[in-house]
Amino acid sequence: MNSQFHAAPKALNPVDIKLPENLVKGAVVIDEKLFEWTQKEIPEAICTSTYITINKETDDVDDLIVMLVKSDAKQAETYGLFFEERFLSNESRRLLKQGFILTMTASPAVYARRIHENLLSRGSDSAKIESILQTLSKLAQDKIFVYAFLKSETLGIMYEMLARELDKLSFPTIQLLLQSLYSMMELNVDGLSWETIPEDVLLSLCRLVTGRAKSEDAQSVLFAEWSIEQILNTTNITLHERIFAEVPFISLIRHLDRSDERVSLATLTLMNTIHRKADVQLKNTILDDLGTAPFRNAISHSVLRDGRAKDRTFTAQLIPIQRLLLEKQNILAKLPPSRDDINTLESLDWFTRYASTNLQSTFEAGQHGKLLPIAMRASAQQLALMCRENAMRAEKSRWELMALCEYTMTITSDLLANDENLGRLIEFLFSVENPLLTLFTAIVQLFHKTWREMHAVTSEIVKVSNVVREQVKRVVDKQPASLDKMQAEFDALAYNKMKEIWKQEESDREVAELESELVKDLRELLRPGIEQLVRQNRKNFMKQGYTFKKTGKKATLKEQSQYFFWRLDRNEKILMVIDCDTERFIPGASQAKSIRKIMVKDIKDVQWGDESEKGTRKSSSFSRGIRLLLPGADEKDESLAACAQSDRDMSTWVDGLCELIGKNEMSRDASKLVDRLLSTELRLRLVQVPNPSPRVIAPPLPTTWDWIPAED
């Protein structure tokens, strides 16, 4: 059957069947527990799910409920619409999208009333209490519900349960109570905030954290710590002092051993908050607690396990704590060394033998105060061995003990003054008793080792110090987790290895600069001149002449000459071809009749490599073959084939011949030479430009000049 299609007599106008953006279509379903919460018979109008179209800009939520229930507004107050775990409001209706699903459920006021009734008559049925609190914990994140909830007296019941019945409640009940309270406090609705929390509830939170409660679990401790931290962030000084009195800082250490990393993180955060809000006396007590072995072991063995040292949330809390531990050393660095400190060093036999005289003035002139003699005393054994080895060198090749220690302490102090370095070394810092003194000992040994490898002299101590500083920086970037790993990295990063790294980095930097967008334009600008220079060099080579080996069938006959000599004249117009018997051409030894002059303009084409061997037998040197196509006597092209002695000679002649006949081609060898010369030229031009800046793009001209004020 043939079908016929007829074009419309008029052009059809397209019709947009999409709804306007403010209209959305969706469905309303019924909550399965609606009767359980309302305790009323469900109206027949909403017994089944239905579809609805809502205007997101104008429709009122209360009017929608009245329409769905098909009753008056007073009866409709019993019901509410739930959307994405929140009650639908006139503000949130704008979030509705096509295909939404709303749930017809009880209103916030009904939920609040039923929760109040159930908690008021809770009895001892823990399952019933937990079921009510689970609903409360979900609704407590919604401001609309919290507004209705605060109109009841349920909050007081929750406070009473936490303050007076804490030891009787089950773990899930305590957790749900704290979770609901925390969610509502964070919303800050109708004056409800952490500043208004009763003191007896605060005491229960402190009991959960310190372990004085009859029972506790990880979730309860977690919410209790979060709550106490939020209370400390308020301005209620009375509550702060109560927390300081009820929560000894050392009691928090035990929570660091918990397997739940959220509890460990919350504990560290609470520790930092307590220290920040504490007075001077309490801060000193906290500092003593942080220096104990149990705290250090809890951090290194529990908190930082399973690769948590690379977790920024943990390091963000551990860095301030480590900064507090280093504060003692910072205080010592600001105090001048006493005579007792110097006498302690002078009591060492090796020290008086190798140290300079007038130590009092030397220490006072330094930058590290009492800290330097303390560090030298802690590293006495290592310094003694280093001094004995140093004494065996020539006098001009020795380092001076005090200068060595001063530079080492400067490197160590600068290293620990940077929070990024503390984050990289966080595992190492908590694995040793005194990080600063341990680092000083390791770095002073590295200083001595690098001095030996550099064959330095006394006047080069600053140079060696800069190298050591670079070595330390690179090792820190590798985040060694222990002293042994750090020592292994120091041993692997010897001075010779550093020179290799610097050389490679310099090469990479130059390559990056030469390949950058800023230099590409300059490269392309210089390329034609460099290429012309290479081509001219090729032609100059041709003018010196070159002996080729003949190829082709005639070259196999014994009576024929096996070689011929090619040379370009000075005017670059004639190519001389002279037969010869040996590889070495001797001028005057050949007969005049064996000389052939080929006009450059008569050369039709130049072939080389595989192309030059077409029609001839293959040989071991076929890749060095060159073939010139010349006009013949009988209108047939004549060819002149030759074989160069090396690939480089072949490419040189090919480039020169292509330039002479106007063939815009270059051999691979010539291209490499051009790139090499270009790179050299660019390096010379950029030697005074360490960081090429991007070109400045001029702004476009204004489209109108009306903004220019007219002359008076």
Foldseek 3Di string as FASTA:
>chain_A
DDDDDDDDPDDDDDDDPDDPPQKAKEKEAEDPCQCVLLVDDQAPLRPGMDMDIDRLQDDFQLVVQCVSSVDDSVVSLQKFKAFPLETDGNVCSNVDHHHGYIYIHTHLLSLLVVLQVCLVVVPLPLVSLLVNLVVLLSHLLYQRSLVSNVVDCVVVSLLCCLLPVVLVHDASNLLSSLSSLVNNQVVCHPNRHLLPRDVSNLLSLLCQQLVVHPDHDLSNVLSSLVSLLRNLVDPNVVSLVVSCVSHQLLSNLVQLQDQPLSSNLSSLSSSVSNLVSDDPVSVVVSLVSCLDLSNLCSCLPRNCPPPCLPVVSNLVSLLVSLVSNCVVQVVQQVAAADPVLVVVQVVDPQCVVQADPPVNVLRRPARRHNNLSVLCVVLVVVVSVLSVVQVPDDQFLHEHVSVLSRLLLVLLVVQSVDSVLCSLQVLASSVDSHVSSLSSNLLSVLLSQQSVVVSHTHVCSVVSSVVSSVQVVVLSVVSDNHPVSSSVSSVVCHPVNVVVVVVVVVVVLLVCVCPDPQNVVVLVVCLVVLLVVLLVVLLVVQQVKAKWAFDDDVCVDPVAAGIWIWHAHPVRFKIKIAGDRDRDDDPPPGDPVRIDIDTLQQFDDKDAAPVLCPPHDDDPQRRQKMKTWGQDPVRDIDIGMTGHPDNVNSQSNVSNSCVSNVNPDHDPVSVVVSVVVSSVVVCVVCVVPSDDDDDDDDDDDDPDDPVDDDDD
